[in-house]
Amino acid sequence: MSRYGLTPEQFDSLPDKCEVCGSISNLCIDHDHTTGKFRGVLCHSCNLALGHLHNNPEIICKLLNYLE
């Protein structure tokens, strides 16, 4: 909680599901690895996917375009 600059009240008000896929299991706090700033709540799978894509919006958009 304090690692990401969240107050107890902010921590208690975090979503109870992944903000991307809606999963309710294996939730984790997502943060920017450069700044350490809290970004949101993701499940382990979505958090790993984001990391594997190097948090790069251009790569993520290209992957989305590929799927479409």
Protein backbone atom coordinates (compact mmCIF):
# COMPACT_ATOMS: atom_id res chain seq x y z
CA MET A 1 0.00 0.00 0.00
CA SER A 2 2.59 2.57 1.04
CA ARG A 3 4.91 1.23 -1.67
CA TYR A 4 2.59 2.81 -4.25
CA GLY A 5 1.63 5.90 -2.25
CA LEU A 6 -1.88 4.70 -1.47
CA THR A 7 -3.68 5.65 1.69
CA PRO A 8 -5.63 2.94 3.54
CA GLU A 9 -8.84 4.55 2.26
CA GLN A 10 -7.62 4.48 -1.37
CA PHE A 11 -6.50 0.89 -0.98
CA ASP A 12 -9.90 -0.11 0.42
CA SER A 13 -11.67 1.54 -2.52
CA LEU A 14 -9.68 -0.28 -5.22
CA PRO A 15 -11.70 -2.29 -7.75
CA ASP A 16 -12.32 -5.91 -6.79
CA LYS A 17 -11.74 -7.15 -10.34
CA CYS A 18 -9.22 -6.71 -13.13
CA GLU A 19 -9.72 -3.38 -14.88
CA VAL A 20 -9.00 -5.02 -18.26
CA CYS A 21 -10.61 -8.47 -18.37
CA GLY A 22 -12.84 -8.42 -15.30
CA SER A 23 -11.24 -11.44 -13.62
CA ILE A 24 -11.62 -11.61 -9.85
CA SER A 25 -8.70 -13.97 -9.21
CA ASN A 26 -4.98 -13.36 -8.81
CA LEU A 27 -5.31 -9.58 -8.60
CA CYS A 28 -2.28 -7.36 -8.29
CA ILE A 29 -1.43 -3.70 -8.06
CA ASP A 30 -0.15 -2.43 -11.41
CA HIS A 31 2.44 0.32 -11.36
CA ASP A 32 4.84 2.11 -13.66
CA HIS A 33 8.24 0.49 -13.19
CA THR A 34 10.03 3.73 -14.07
CA THR A 35 8.19 6.07 -11.70
CA GLY A 36 6.73 3.54 -9.25
CA LYS A 37 3.38 5.31 -9.63
CA PHE A 38 0.23 3.26 -9.10
CA ARG A 39 -1.85 2.71 -12.27
CA GLY A 40 -4.63 0.34 -11.28
CA VAL A 41 -5.68 -3.21 -10.51
CA LEU A 42 -4.94 -6.02 -12.96
CA CYS A 43 -5.10 -9.78 -12.78
CA HIS A 44 -1.80 -11.59 -12.99
CA SER A 45 -2.35 -12.53 -16.66
CA CYS A 46 -3.13 -9.00 -17.83
CA ASN A 47 -0.25 -7.62 -15.78
CA LEU A 48 2.15 -10.12 -17.38
CA ALA A 49 0.81 -9.35 -20.86
CA LEU A 50 1.38 -5.65 -20.31
CA GLY A 51 4.91 -6.34 -19.14
CA HIS A 52 5.66 -8.63 -22.08
CA LEU A 53 4.54 -5.83 -24.40
CA HIS A 54 6.94 -3.49 -22.57
CA ASN A 55 4.08 -1.15 -21.58
CA ASN A 56 4.37 0.19 -25.12
CA PRO A 57 1.09 1.63 -26.48
CA GLU A 58 2.38 1.43 -30.06
CA ILE A 59 3.03 -2.31 -29.78
CA ILE A 60 -0.32 -2.85 -28.06
CA CYS A 61 -2.14 -0.98 -30.87
CA LYS A 62 -0.26 -2.92 -33.54
CA LEU A 63 -1.24 -6.17 -31.85
CA LEU A 64 -4.87 -5.07 -31.70
CA ASN A 65 -4.79 -4.12 -35.40
CA TYR A 66 -3.27 -7.51 -36.20
CA LEU A 67 -6.11 -9.29 -34.41
CA GLU A 68 -8.76 -7.24 -36.19
